[in-house]
Each structure stands twice: as C-alpha cells, then as structure tokens.
C-alpha cells in the first residue's frame, strides 16, 4: 500500500482516537490515564507477552 493511499478502516480508527483525545483536551497525562484504566478494565482480553528484556535475549 502506498503511503498516500487512504484506508477507510485506518481513517475510522484515527477519527475515533482523535475524538477520545479531544475529550481530554488533548492532554497526554489524562489520555494515558484513560487508556491505562481501559487496560485494567479489559485485562482479560489482552495478550500477555514476555518483558522486553527477555525478548532481546
């Protein structure tokens, strides 16, 4: 896929992420806190991975 081609799925994801960011006035600290809460809330749906240090060895 060329860099300048539009992908409707990616475009929709970007719109949603922008709306979420706007909800927090684009404040990175608030946005990170929001995503960390979502991570806790949906922890059972996340894929567990090894720590980065283990992956490097």
N, C-alpha and C. Protein backbone atom coordinates (compact mmCIF):
# COMPACT_ATOMS: atom_id res chain seq x y z
N UNK A 1 0.85 -1.18 0.00
CA UNK A 1 0.00 0.00 0.00
C UNK A 1 0.89 1.24 0.00
N UNK A 2 0.59 2.16 -0.85
CA UNK A 2 1.36 3.40 -0.92
C UNK A 2 1.05 4.28 0.28
N UNK A 3 2.00 5.09 0.64
CA UNK A 3 1.87 5.94 1.82
C UNK A 3 0.69 6.90 1.75
N UNK A 4 0.38 7.41 0.56
CA UNK A 4 -0.67 8.41 0.44
C UNK A 4 -2.05 7.82 0.15
N UNK A 5 -2.16 6.50 0.07
CA UNK A 5 -3.47 5.89 -0.14
C UNK A 5 -4.26 5.89 1.16
N UNK A 6 -5.56 6.11 1.04
CA UNK A 6 -6.42 6.09 2.22
C UNK A 6 -6.94 4.68 2.47
N UNK A 7 -6.95 4.32 3.71
CA UNK A 7 -7.54 3.05 4.14
C UNK A 7 -8.71 3.42 5.02
N UNK A 8 -9.94 3.09 4.61
CA UNK A 8 -11.11 3.52 5.39
C UNK A 8 -11.10 3.02 6.83
N UNK A 9 -10.57 1.85 7.08
CA UNK A 9 -10.53 1.31 8.44
C UNK A 9 -9.56 2.14 9.29
N UNK A 10 -8.38 2.40 8.75
CA UNK A 10 -7.39 3.20 9.47
C UNK A 10 -7.92 4.62 9.68
N UNK A 11 -8.57 5.18 8.67
CA UNK A 11 -9.15 6.52 8.80
C UNK A 11 -10.17 6.57 9.93
N UNK A 12 -11.00 5.54 10.03
CA UNK A 12 -12.02 5.49 11.09
C UNK A 12 -11.37 5.38 12.47
N UNK A 13 -10.34 4.56 12.57
CA UNK A 13 -9.61 4.43 13.84
C UNK A 13 -9.00 5.77 14.25
N UNK A 14 -8.42 6.47 13.29
CA UNK A 14 -7.83 7.78 13.58
C UNK A 14 -8.89 8.77 14.05
N UNK A 15 -10.05 8.75 13.44
CA UNK A 15 -11.14 9.66 13.85
C UNK A 15 -11.57 9.37 15.29
N UNK A 16 -11.70 8.10 15.60
CA UNK A 16 -12.12 7.71 16.95
C UNK A 16 -11.05 8.12 17.97
N UNK A 17 -9.79 7.84 17.65
CA UNK A 17 -8.70 8.21 18.56
C UNK A 17 -8.64 9.72 18.75
N UNK A 18 -8.90 10.47 17.69
CA UNK A 18 -8.90 11.93 17.80
C UNK A 18 -10.04 12.40 18.70
N UNK A 19 -11.22 11.79 18.57
CA UNK A 19 -12.36 12.16 19.42
C UNK A 19 -12.07 11.87 20.88
N UNK A 20 -11.45 10.73 21.15
CA UNK A 20 -11.08 10.39 22.53
C UNK A 20 -10.09 11.42 23.06
N UNK A 21 -9.09 11.74 22.27
CA UNK A 21 -8.09 12.73 22.68
C UNK A 21 -8.74 14.09 22.93
N UNK A 22 -9.64 14.50 22.07
CA UNK A 22 -10.33 15.78 22.23
C UNK A 22 -11.15 15.80 23.51
N UNK A 23 -11.72 14.67 23.87
CA UNK A 23 -12.50 14.57 25.12
C UNK A 23 -11.65 14.97 26.33
N UNK A 24 -10.35 14.71 26.25
CA UNK A 24 -9.42 15.04 27.34
C UNK A 24 -8.59 16.28 27.00
N UNK A 25 -9.12 17.12 26.12
CA UNK A 25 -8.44 18.36 25.70
C UNK A 25 -7.02 18.09 25.21
N UNK A 26 -6.82 16.94 24.61
CA UNK A 26 -5.52 16.54 24.05
C UNK A 26 -4.40 16.58 25.10
N UNK A 27 -4.77 16.35 26.35
CA UNK A 27 -3.80 16.33 27.46
C UNK A 27 -3.20 14.92 27.55
N UNK A 28 -1.90 14.77 27.26
CA UNK A 28 -1.29 13.44 27.27
C UNK A 28 -1.44 12.70 28.59
N UNK A 29 -1.30 13.39 29.71
CA UNK A 29 -1.40 12.74 31.02
C UNK A 29 -2.80 12.16 31.23
N UNK A 30 -3.82 12.93 30.89
CA UNK A 30 -5.19 12.44 31.03
C UNK A 30 -5.48 11.30 30.06
N UNK A 31 -4.93 11.42 28.87
CA UNK A 31 -5.14 10.38 27.86
C UNK A 31 -4.49 9.07 28.27
N UNK A 32 -3.27 9.14 28.78
CA UNK A 32 -2.59 7.93 29.26
C UNK A 32 -3.36 7.31 30.42
N UNK A 33 -3.83 8.13 31.34
CA UNK A 33 -4.60 7.63 32.49
C UNK A 33 -5.86 6.93 31.99
N UNK A 34 -6.53 7.51 31.00
CA UNK A 34 -7.74 6.90 30.42
C UNK A 34 -7.42 5.53 29.82
N UNK A 35 -6.36 5.47 29.01
CA UNK A 35 -6.02 4.19 28.37
C UNK A 35 -5.55 3.16 29.39
N UNK A 36 -4.89 3.59 30.45
CA UNK A 36 -4.47 2.64 31.48
C UNK A 36 -5.69 2.06 32.21
N UNK A 37 -6.71 2.88 32.44
CA UNK A 37 -7.94 2.38 33.05
C UNK A 37 -8.63 1.39 32.12
N UNK A 38 -8.65 1.70 30.82
CA UNK A 38 -9.26 0.76 29.86
C UNK A 38 -8.48 -0.55 29.85
N UNK A 39 -7.15 -0.46 29.98
CA UNK A 39 -6.33 -1.66 30.00
C UNK A 39 -6.68 -2.53 31.20
N UNK A 40 -6.86 -1.90 32.37
CA UNK A 40 -7.26 -2.65 33.55
C UNK A 40 -8.65 -3.27 33.36
N UNK A 41 -9.56 -2.48 32.82
CA UNK A 41 -10.94 -2.93 32.63
C UNK A 41 -11.02 -4.14 31.70
N UNK A 42 -10.21 -4.16 30.67
CA UNK A 42 -10.27 -5.22 29.66
C UNK A 42 -9.05 -6.13 29.70
N UNK A 43 -8.43 -6.23 30.84
CA UNK A 43 -7.22 -7.02 31.01
C UNK A 43 -7.39 -8.46 30.54
N UNK A 44 -8.57 -9.03 30.73
CA UNK A 44 -8.80 -10.42 30.32
C UNK A 44 -8.81 -10.59 28.80
N UNK A 45 -8.89 -9.50 28.06
CA UNK A 45 -8.91 -9.57 26.59
C UNK A 45 -7.54 -9.33 25.97
N UNK A 46 -6.57 -8.94 26.79
CA UNK A 46 -5.25 -8.59 26.27
C UNK A 46 -4.35 -9.81 26.19
N UNK A 47 -3.45 -9.77 25.23
CA UNK A 47 -2.48 -10.84 25.06
C UNK A 47 -1.30 -10.57 25.97
N UNK A 48 -0.93 -11.55 26.74
CA UNK A 48 0.21 -11.41 27.64
C UNK A 48 1.49 -11.66 26.84
N UNK A 49 2.50 -10.83 27.07
CA UNK A 49 3.77 -11.02 26.39
C UNK A 49 4.89 -11.03 27.41
N UNK A 50 6.04 -11.53 26.96
CA UNK A 50 7.21 -11.55 27.84
C UNK A 50 7.74 -10.12 27.97
N UNK A 51 8.41 -9.82 29.09
CA UNK A 51 9.03 -8.49 29.22
C UNK A 51 10.04 -8.27 28.10
N UNK A 52 10.23 -7.04 27.73
CA UNK A 52 11.11 -6.68 26.61
C UNK A 52 12.52 -7.24 26.79
N UNK A 53 13.05 -7.19 27.99
CA UNK A 53 14.40 -7.67 28.26
C UNK A 53 14.52 -9.15 27.86
N UNK A 54 13.51 -9.96 28.19
CA UNK A 54 13.54 -11.37 27.84
C UNK A 54 13.47 -11.55 26.33
N UNK A 55 12.74 -10.71 25.65
CA UNK A 55 12.60 -10.81 24.20
C UNK A 55 13.91 -10.48 23.48
N UNK A 56 14.77 -9.67 24.10
CA UNK A 56 16.03 -9.28 23.46
C UNK A 56 17.09 -10.37 23.54
N UNK A 57 16.97 -11.26 24.54
CA UNK A 57 17.99 -12.27 24.77
C UNK A 57 17.76 -13.47 24.00
